[in-house]
Amino acid sequence: MDVIFLITAMMLTASPIPTKLVGTNFTDKDLDALFSRGGKGVIYAVSEHMPLSVRGLREINLACAHLELELVIVVDPDSNPAEITYMAKRFGFLPRELLRLASPKLMRRNLTIHYPAIQPYDNGRFVGVVLPGYMSAEAYKAYLTGVFSTMDLTGS
């Protein structure tokens, strides 16, 4: 049985249930709800127009799972969700829900500057800046460990 990754309540967890495409938008209201829960995580932007961003789903998932971080995946507003699903399956990552990026707050932070791009967050606020570009799981882990440890040391 294949294990897929299920995004529920904007949090990535492992689940062996069937994949289904959902055309949900991720808005400022969703971002505010995510921040109001507290917690630490990463928002990952993906586009079918940038195949490495789809391949990076596996890498960022591994990094977040290792660091016990939430993972919110948002899709390029200009992407075709069916194409993203096809490519994700091709790279061995089966998202159940694809959240189309519709948050002006994330867009103003330049999350759409390149795909993939990540924006870490902690305790209801953004941490650091948007980081564009594909990375291995090890590189994501090193970067995120640094971002969150610097924040822990400075208290900001």
N, C-alpha and C. Protein backbone atom coordinates (compact mmCIF):
# COMPACT_ATOMS: atom_id res chain seq x y z
N MET A 1 0.84 -1.17 0.00
CA MET A 1 0.00 0.00 0.00
C MET A 1 0.89 1.24 0.00
N ASP A 2 0.58 2.19 -0.89
CA ASP A 2 1.33 3.44 -0.92
C ASP A 2 0.88 4.33 0.23
N VAL A 3 1.82 5.01 0.83
CA VAL A 3 1.50 6.00 1.84
C VAL A 3 1.49 7.34 1.13
N ILE A 4 0.44 8.08 1.30
CA ILE A 4 0.39 9.41 0.71
C ILE A 4 0.43 10.44 1.82
N PHE A 5 0.51 11.67 1.44
CA PHE A 5 0.55 12.73 2.42
C PHE A 5 -0.74 13.51 2.32
N LEU A 6 -1.37 13.70 3.44
CA LEU A 6 -2.67 14.32 3.52
C LEU A 6 -2.54 15.67 4.20
N ILE A 7 -3.04 16.70 3.56
CA ILE A 7 -3.04 18.02 4.18
C ILE A 7 -4.43 18.23 4.77
N THR A 8 -4.50 18.26 6.08
CA THR A 8 -5.76 18.53 6.75
C THR A 8 -5.52 19.67 7.71
N ALA A 9 -6.45 20.59 7.74
CA ALA A 9 -6.31 21.77 8.58
C ALA A 9 -4.95 22.42 8.33
N MET A 10 -4.53 22.38 7.05
CA MET A 10 -3.28 22.99 6.61
C MET A 10 -2.05 22.38 7.24
N MET A 11 -2.13 21.15 7.67
CA MET A 11 -0.97 20.50 8.27
C MET A 11 -0.71 19.18 7.55
N LEU A 12 0.54 18.89 7.24
CA LEU A 12 0.89 17.69 6.51
C LEU A 12 1.11 16.53 7.46
N THR A 13 0.42 15.43 7.20
CA THR A 13 0.60 14.23 8.00
C THR A 13 0.53 13.03 7.06
N ALA A 14 1.12 11.91 7.45
CA ALA A 14 1.07 10.71 6.63
C ALA A 14 -0.29 10.04 6.78
N SER A 15 -0.83 9.53 5.66
CA SER A 15 -2.11 8.85 5.71
C SER A 15 -2.25 7.94 4.50
N PRO A 16 -2.69 6.68 4.68
CA PRO A 16 -2.86 5.77 3.56
C PRO A 16 -4.26 5.83 2.95
N ILE A 17 -4.76 7.03 2.62
CA ILE A 17 -6.09 7.14 2.03
C ILE A 17 -5.98 7.67 0.61
N PRO A 18 -7.02 7.51 -0.19
CA PRO A 18 -6.94 7.88 -1.61
C PRO A 18 -6.70 9.37 -1.82
N THR A 19 -6.02 9.66 -2.93
CA THR A 19 -5.75 11.04 -3.31
C THR A 19 -6.99 11.64 -3.97
N LYS A 20 -7.22 12.91 -3.69
CA LYS A 20 -8.35 13.61 -4.28
C LYS A 20 -7.94 15.07 -4.48
N LEU A 21 -8.25 15.62 -5.63
CA LEU A 21 -7.92 17.02 -5.90
C LEU A 21 -9.02 17.92 -5.37
N VAL A 22 -8.62 18.90 -4.59
CA VAL A 22 -9.58 19.86 -4.05
C VAL A 22 -9.13 21.24 -4.48
N GLY A 23 -10.02 22.01 -5.07
CA GLY A 23 -9.66 23.34 -5.56
C GLY A 23 -9.87 24.41 -4.52
N THR A 24 -9.15 24.33 -3.43
CA THR A 24 -9.28 25.27 -2.33
C THR A 24 -8.26 26.38 -2.45
N ASN A 25 -8.66 27.58 -2.10
CA ASN A 25 -7.73 28.71 -2.06
C ASN A 25 -7.15 28.85 -0.66
N PHE A 26 -5.90 29.30 -0.60
CA PHE A 26 -5.26 29.65 0.66
C PHE A 26 -5.21 31.17 0.71
N THR A 27 -6.07 31.76 1.53
CA THR A 27 -6.26 33.21 1.58
C THR A 27 -5.60 33.81 2.83
N ASP A 28 -5.68 35.13 2.94
CA ASP A 28 -5.20 35.78 4.16
C ASP A 28 -5.96 35.28 5.39
N LYS A 29 -7.23 34.95 5.22
CA LYS A 29 -8.00 34.42 6.33
C LYS A 29 -7.42 33.08 6.80
N ASP A 30 -7.00 32.24 5.84
CA ASP A 30 -6.38 30.97 6.19
C ASP A 30 -5.03 31.19 6.86
N LEU A 31 -4.28 32.16 6.37
CA LEU A 31 -2.99 32.48 6.98
C LEU A 31 -3.19 32.96 8.41
N ASP A 32 -4.18 33.82 8.62
CA ASP A 32 -4.47 34.30 9.97
C ASP A 32 -4.88 33.15 10.89
N ALA A 33 -5.67 32.21 10.37
CA ALA A 33 -6.08 31.05 11.17
C ALA A 33 -4.87 30.18 11.51
N LEU A 34 -3.99 30.01 10.54
CA LEU A 34 -2.76 29.24 10.77
C LEU A 34 -1.93 29.90 11.87
N PHE A 35 -1.76 31.20 11.78
CA PHE A 35 -0.98 31.94 12.77
C PHE A 35 -1.65 31.93 14.14
N SER A 36 -2.98 31.98 14.18
CA SER A 36 -3.67 32.02 15.48
C SER A 36 -3.53 30.71 16.25
N ARG A 37 -3.24 29.61 15.54
CA ARG A 37 -3.02 28.32 16.21
C ARG A 37 -1.66 28.25 16.88
N GLY A 38 -0.77 29.17 16.51
CA GLY A 38 0.60 29.07 17.01
C GLY A 38 1.32 27.99 16.23
N GLY A 39 2.38 27.51 16.76
CA GLY A 39 3.12 26.45 16.09
C GLY A 39 4.19 26.98 15.16
N LYS A 40 4.97 26.05 14.67
CA LYS A 40 6.14 26.35 13.86
C LYS A 40 6.03 25.55 12.57
N GLY A 41 6.35 26.18 11.45
CA GLY A 41 6.25 25.45 10.20
C GLY A 41 6.80 26.20 9.02
N VAL A 42 6.44 25.70 7.84
CA VAL A 42 6.94 26.22 6.57
C VAL A 42 5.79 26.27 5.57
N ILE A 43 5.71 27.37 4.86
CA ILE A 43 4.79 27.48 3.72
C ILE A 43 5.65 27.25 2.47
N TYR A 44 5.24 26.31 1.64
CA TYR A 44 6.00 25.90 0.45
C TYR A 44 5.17 26.21 -0.79
N ALA A 45 5.72 27.00 -1.70
CA ALA A 45 5.03 27.35 -2.94
C ALA A 45 5.54 26.49 -4.08
N VAL A 46 4.61 25.92 -4.85
CA VAL A 46 4.93 24.99 -5.94
C VAL A 46 4.20 25.41 -7.21
N SER A 47 4.81 25.11 -8.37
CA SER A 47 4.20 25.39 -9.66
C SER A 47 4.55 24.29 -10.64
N GLU A 48 3.58 23.89 -11.44
CA GLU A 48 3.87 22.86 -12.45
C GLU A 48 4.78 23.40 -13.53
N HIS A 49 4.87 24.71 -13.65
CA HIS A 49 5.74 25.32 -14.65
C HIS A 49 7.22 25.21 -14.27
N MET A 50 7.47 24.84 -13.04
CA MET A 50 8.83 24.68 -12.52
C MET A 50 8.94 23.27 -11.95
N PRO A 51 9.33 22.29 -12.77
CA PRO A 51 9.33 20.89 -12.33
C PRO A 51 10.12 20.62 -11.06
N LEU A 52 11.20 21.35 -10.82
CA LEU A 52 11.95 21.12 -9.59
C LEU A 52 11.13 21.50 -8.36
N SER A 53 10.19 22.42 -8.53
CA SER A 53 9.35 22.77 -7.38
C SER A 53 8.45 21.60 -7.01
N VAL A 54 8.00 20.84 -8.02
CA VAL A 54 7.19 19.65 -7.74
C VAL A 54 8.08 18.57 -7.13
N ARG A 55 9.25 18.37 -7.70
CA ARG A 55 10.19 17.39 -7.14
C ARG A 55 10.56 17.76 -5.70
N GLY A 56 10.63 19.05 -5.42
CA GLY A 56 10.98 19.53 -4.08
C GLY A 56 9.94 19.23 -3.02
N LEU A 57 8.72 18.85 -3.43
CA LEU A 57 7.70 18.47 -2.45
C LEU A 57 8.22 17.36 -1.53
N ARG A 58 8.88 16.39 -2.13
CA ARG A 58 9.43 15.28 -1.35
C ARG A 58 10.50 15.79 -0.39
N GLU A 59 11.37 16.66 -0.88
CA GLU A 59 12.49 17.16 -0.08
C GLU A 59 12.02 17.99 1.11
N ILE A 60 11.11 18.91 0.86
CA ILE A 60 10.64 19.76 1.95
C ILE A 60 9.82 18.94 2.94
N ASN A 61 9.08 17.94 2.44
CA ASN A 61 8.32 17.08 3.35
C ASN A 61 9.26 16.31 4.27
N LEU A 62 10.34 15.75 3.72
CA LEU A 62 11.30 15.02 4.54
C LEU A 62 11.93 15.94 5.59
N ALA A 63 12.31 17.14 5.17
CA ALA A 63 12.93 18.09 6.10
C ALA A 63 11.97 18.46 7.22
N CYS A 64 10.72 18.79 6.86
CA CYS A 64 9.75 19.19 7.87
C CYS A 64 9.41 18.03 8.80
N ALA A 65 9.30 16.83 8.27
CA ALA A 65 9.01 15.68 9.12
C ALA A 65 10.15 15.46 10.11
N HIS A 66 11.39 15.58 9.65
CA HIS A 66 12.55 15.39 10.52
C HIS A 66 12.60 16.44 11.63
N LEU A 67 12.25 17.69 11.28
CA LEU A 67 12.30 18.79 12.24
C LEU A 67 10.98 18.97 13.00
N GLU A 68 10.00 18.12 12.70
CA GLU A 68 8.67 18.18 13.33
C GLU A 68 8.01 19.54 13.12
N LEU A 69 8.02 19.98 11.86
CA LEU A 69 7.41 21.25 11.48
C LEU A 69 6.15 20.99 10.67
N GLU A 70 5.17 21.88 10.82
CA GLU A 70 4.01 21.85 9.94
C GLU A 70 4.47 22.20 8.53
N LEU A 71 3.77 21.68 7.54
CA LEU A 71 4.05 22.02 6.15
C LEU A 71 2.76 22.40 5.46
N VAL A 72 2.71 23.63 4.98
CA VAL A 72 1.57 24.13 4.23
C VAL A 72 2.04 24.27 2.79
N ILE A 73 1.34 23.62 1.86
CA ILE A 73 1.72 23.69 0.45
C ILE A 73 0.71 24.56 -0.27
N VAL A 74 1.21 25.60 -0.93
CA VAL A 74 0.36 26.47 -1.73
C VAL A 74 0.82 26.37 -3.19
N VAL A 75 -0.14 26.45 -4.09
CA VAL A 75 0.10 26.26 -5.51
C VAL A 75 0.05 27.61 -6.23
N ASP A 76 0.99 27.78 -7.16
CA ASP A 76 1.02 28.94 -8.05
C ASP A 76 -0.40 29.24 -8.53
N PRO A 77 -0.87 30.48 -8.37
CA PRO A 77 -2.24 30.80 -8.80
C PRO A 77 -2.47 30.55 -10.29
N ASP A 78 -1.41 30.51 -11.09
CA ASP A 78 -1.55 30.27 -12.53
C ASP A 78 -1.39 28.81 -12.92
N SER A 79 -1.26 27.93 -11.95
CA SER A 79 -1.07 26.50 -12.23
C SER A 79 -2.38 25.79 -12.51
N ASN A 80 -2.24 24.67 -13.20
CA ASN A 80 -3.34 23.77 -13.45
C ASN A 80 -3.27 22.69 -12.36
N PRO A 81 -4.22 22.63 -11.44
CA PRO A 81 -4.15 21.66 -10.34
C PRO A 81 -4.01 20.22 -10.80
N ALA A 82 -4.65 19.85 -11.92
CA ALA A 82 -4.54 18.47 -12.41
C ALA A 82 -3.10 18.17 -12.83
N GLU A 83 -2.43 19.15 -13.42
CA GLU A 83 -1.03 18.96 -13.84
C GLU A 83 -0.12 18.83 -12.62
N ILE A 84 -0.37 19.62 -11.59
CA ILE A 84 0.41 19.51 -10.36
C ILE A 84 0.23 18.11 -9.76
N THR A 85 -1.00 17.62 -9.72
CA THR A 85 -1.26 16.30 -9.18
C THR A 85 -0.51 15.23 -9.97
N TYR A 86 -0.55 15.33 -11.30
CA TYR A 86 0.15 14.37 -12.15
C TYR A 86 1.65 14.38 -11.87
N MET A 87 2.24 15.57 -11.83
CA MET A 87 3.68 15.68 -11.61
C MET A 87 4.06 15.23 -10.21
N ALA A 88 3.24 15.57 -9.23
CA ALA A 88 3.54 15.15 -7.85
C ALA A 88 3.56 13.62 -7.77
N LYS A 89 2.60 12.97 -8.41
CA LYS A 89 2.58 11.50 -8.42
C LYS A 89 3.83 10.96 -9.09
N ARG A 90 4.24 11.61 -10.17
CA ARG A 90 5.43 11.19 -10.91
C ARG A 90 6.67 11.22 -10.02
N PHE A 91 6.73 12.19 -9.12
CA PHE A 91 7.88 12.31 -8.22
C PHE A 91 7.64 11.60 -6.89
N GLY A 92 6.54 10.86 -6.78
CA GLY A 92 6.31 10.05 -5.60
C GLY A 92 5.69 10.78 -4.43
N PHE A 93 5.09 11.92 -4.67
CA PHE A 93 4.43 12.67 -3.60
C PHE A 93 2.99 12.86 -4.03
N LEU A 94 2.05 12.44 -3.22
CA LEU A 94 0.65 12.49 -3.60
C LEU A 94 -0.13 13.44 -2.69
N PRO A 95 -0.18 14.70 -3.03
CA PRO A 95 -0.95 15.61 -2.18
C PRO A 95 -2.44 15.34 -2.30
N ARG A 96 -3.12 15.32 -1.20
CA ARG A 96 -4.57 15.12 -1.23
C ARG A 96 -5.27 16.43 -1.55
N GLU A 97 -4.72 17.49 -1.05
CA GLU A 97 -5.36 18.78 -1.21
C GLU A 97 -4.34 19.79 -1.71
N LEU A 98 -4.68 20.48 -2.78
CA LEU A 98 -3.80 21.52 -3.30
C LEU A 98 -4.46 22.86 -3.01
N LEU A 99 -3.75 23.69 -2.27
CA LEU A 99 -4.30 24.99 -1.87
C LEU A 99 -3.74 26.07 -2.80
N ARG A 100 -4.60 26.64 -3.62
CA ARG A 100 -4.18 27.67 -4.57
C ARG A 100 -3.84 28.95 -3.80
N LEU A 101 -2.65 29.49 -4.05
CA LEU A 101 -2.20 30.70 -3.36
C LEU A 101 -3.11 31.87 -3.72
N ALA A 102 -3.78 32.40 -2.73
CA ALA A 102 -4.68 33.55 -2.92
C ALA A 102 -4.54 34.50 -1.74
N SER A 103 -3.35 34.56 -1.18
CA SER A 103 -3.09 35.40 -0.01
C SER A 103 -2.24 36.60 -0.42
N PRO A 104 -2.84 37.79 -0.43
CA PRO A 104 -2.04 38.99 -0.74
C PRO A 104 -0.86 39.17 0.22
N LYS A 105 -1.03 38.77 1.49
CA LYS A 105 0.08 38.91 2.44
C LYS A 105 1.28 38.08 1.99
N LEU A 106 1.05 36.85 1.54
CA LEU A 106 2.15 36.00 1.07
C LEU A 106 2.72 36.52 -0.25
N MET A 107 1.85 37.02 -1.10
CA MET A 107 2.32 37.57 -2.38
C MET A 107 3.19 38.81 -2.15
N ARG A 108 2.79 39.65 -1.20
CA ARG A 108 3.60 40.85 -0.90
C ARG A 108 4.96 40.48 -0.29
N ARG A 109 5.05 39.31 0.32
CA ARG A 109 6.34 38.84 0.86
C ARG A 109 7.19 38.20 -0.23
N ASN A 110 6.69 38.20 -1.47
CA ASN A 110 7.40 37.66 -2.64
C ASN A 110 7.46 36.14 -2.66
N LEU A 111 6.45 35.46 -2.12
CA LEU A 111 6.44 34.01 -2.18
C LEU A 111 6.31 33.51 -3.62
N THR A 112 5.82 34.36 -4.51
CA THR A 112 5.65 33.97 -5.91
C THR A 112 6.84 34.39 -6.78
N ILE A 113 7.93 34.83 -6.18
CA ILE A 113 9.08 35.30 -6.95
C ILE A 113 9.72 34.18 -7.77
N HIS A 114 9.62 32.96 -7.27
CA HIS A 114 10.21 31.79 -7.93
C HIS A 114 9.57 30.55 -7.30
N TYR A 115 9.56 29.47 -8.04
CA TYR A 115 9.03 28.22 -7.52
C TYR A 115 10.10 27.15 -7.63
N PRO A 116 10.40 26.44 -6.54
CA PRO A 116 9.74 26.56 -5.24
C PRO A 116 10.27 27.76 -4.47
N ALA A 117 9.52 28.10 -3.45
CA ALA A 117 9.94 29.10 -2.47
C ALA A 117 9.33 28.69 -1.13
N ILE A 118 10.05 29.01 -0.07
CA ILE A 118 9.53 28.70 1.26
C ILE A 118 9.50 29.95 2.12
N GLN A 119 8.55 29.97 3.05
CA GLN A 119 8.46 31.02 4.06
C GLN A 119 8.24 30.35 5.40
N PRO A 120 9.28 30.34 6.26
CA PRO A 120 9.09 29.78 7.61
C PRO A 120 8.22 30.71 8.46
N TYR A 121 7.57 30.12 9.45
CA TYR A 121 6.78 30.89 10.42
C TYR A 121 6.88 30.23 11.78
N ASP A 122 6.66 31.04 12.81
CA ASP A 122 6.67 30.52 14.17
C ASP A 122 5.80 31.40 15.05
N ASN A 123 4.95 30.75 15.82
CA ASN A 123 4.17 31.43 16.84
C ASN A 123 3.43 32.66 16.31
N GLY A 124 2.79 32.51 15.16
CA GLY A 124 1.95 33.58 14.64
C GLY A 124 2.65 34.66 13.87
N ARG A 125 3.87 34.41 13.42
CA ARG A 125 4.56 35.43 12.61
C ARG A 125 5.56 34.77 11.66
N PHE A 126 5.87 35.52 10.62
CA PHE A 126 6.87 35.05 9.67
C PHE A 126 8.25 35.08 10.31
N VAL A 127 9.09 34.13 9.93
CA VAL A 127 10.46 34.06 10.42
C VAL A 127 11.37 34.19 9.20
N GLY A 128 12.27 35.13 9.23
CA GLY A 128 13.17 35.31 8.10
C GLY A 128 12.43 35.81 6.87
N VAL A 129 13.06 35.60 5.73
CA VAL A 129 12.51 36.05 4.46
C VAL A 129 12.17 34.83 3.60
N VAL A 130 11.46 35.09 2.51
CA VAL A 130 11.18 34.03 1.56
C VAL A 130 12.49 33.54 0.97
N LEU A 131 12.64 32.22 0.91
CA LEU A 131 13.82 31.61 0.32
C LEU A 131 13.40 30.90 -0.96
N PRO A 132 13.80 31.43 -2.13
CA PRO A 132 13.45 30.76 -3.38
C PRO A 132 14.49 29.71 -3.76
N GLY A 133 14.04 28.69 -4.51
CA GLY A 133 14.96 27.72 -5.08
C GLY A 133 14.82 26.33 -4.51
N TYR A 134 15.13 25.35 -5.35
CA TYR A 134 15.09 23.94 -4.99
C TYR A 134 16.27 23.61 -4.09
N MET A 135 16.02 22.77 -3.08
CA MET A 135 17.08 22.30 -2.19
C MET A 135 16.83 20.83 -1.87
N SER A 136 17.87 20.15 -1.47
CA SER A 136 17.72 18.79 -0.96
C SER A 136 17.11 18.87 0.44
N ALA A 137 16.63 17.74 0.92
CA ALA A 137 16.08 17.68 2.28
C ALA A 137 17.12 18.11 3.30
N GLU A 138 18.36 17.66 3.09
CA GLU A 138 19.45 18.02 4.03
C GLU A 138 19.69 19.53 4.03
N ALA A 139 19.66 20.14 2.85
CA ALA A 139 19.87 21.60 2.77
C ALA A 139 18.71 22.35 3.41
N TYR A 140 17.48 21.90 3.17
CA TYR A 140 16.33 22.52 3.84
C TYR A 140 16.45 22.38 5.35
N LYS A 141 16.82 21.20 5.83
CA LYS A 141 16.97 21.00 7.27
C LYS A 141 18.01 21.95 7.85
N ALA A 142 19.14 22.08 7.19
CA ALA A 142 20.20 22.96 7.68
C ALA A 142 19.72 24.41 7.70
N TYR A 143 19.08 24.85 6.63
CA TYR A 143 18.59 26.22 6.56
C TYR A 143 17.56 26.48 7.65
N LEU A 144 16.56 25.60 7.76
CA LEU A 144 15.49 25.81 8.73
C LEU A 144 15.98 25.73 10.16
N THR A 145 16.90 24.82 10.43
CA THR A 145 17.49 24.75 11.77
C THR A 145 18.17 26.06 12.11
N GLY A 146 18.89 26.61 11.16
CA GLY A 146 19.56 27.90 11.38
C GLY A 146 18.58 29.04 11.60
N VAL A 147 17.54 29.10 10.77
CA VAL A 147 16.54 30.17 10.89
C VAL A 147 15.86 30.11 12.25
N PHE A 148 15.42 28.92 12.64
CA PHE A 148 14.69 28.82 13.91
C PHE A 148 15.62 28.94 15.12
N SER A 149 16.86 28.48 15.03
CA SER A 149 17.76 28.62 16.18
C SER A 149 18.19 30.07 16.37
N THR A 150 18.37 30.80 15.28
CA THR A 150 18.69 32.23 15.39
C THR A 150 17.54 32.97 16.06
N MET A 151 16.33 32.60 15.69
CA MET A 151 15.17 33.23 16.31
C MET A 151 15.10 32.90 17.79
N ASP A 152 15.39 31.64 18.14
CA ASP A 152 15.35 31.24 19.54
C ASP A 152 16.40 32.00 20.36
N LEU A 153 17.56 32.24 19.77
CA LEU A 153 18.63 32.95 20.48
C LEU A 153 18.35 34.43 20.65
N THR A 154 17.71 35.04 19.61
CA THR A 154 17.46 36.48 19.67
C THR A 154 16.13 36.82 20.31
N GLY A 155 15.25 35.82 20.37
CA GLY A 155 13.92 36.07 20.94
C GLY A 155 13.03 36.83 20.00
N SER A 156 13.44 36.99 18.74
CA SER A 156 12.58 37.72 17.80
C SER A 156 11.86 36.79 16.86
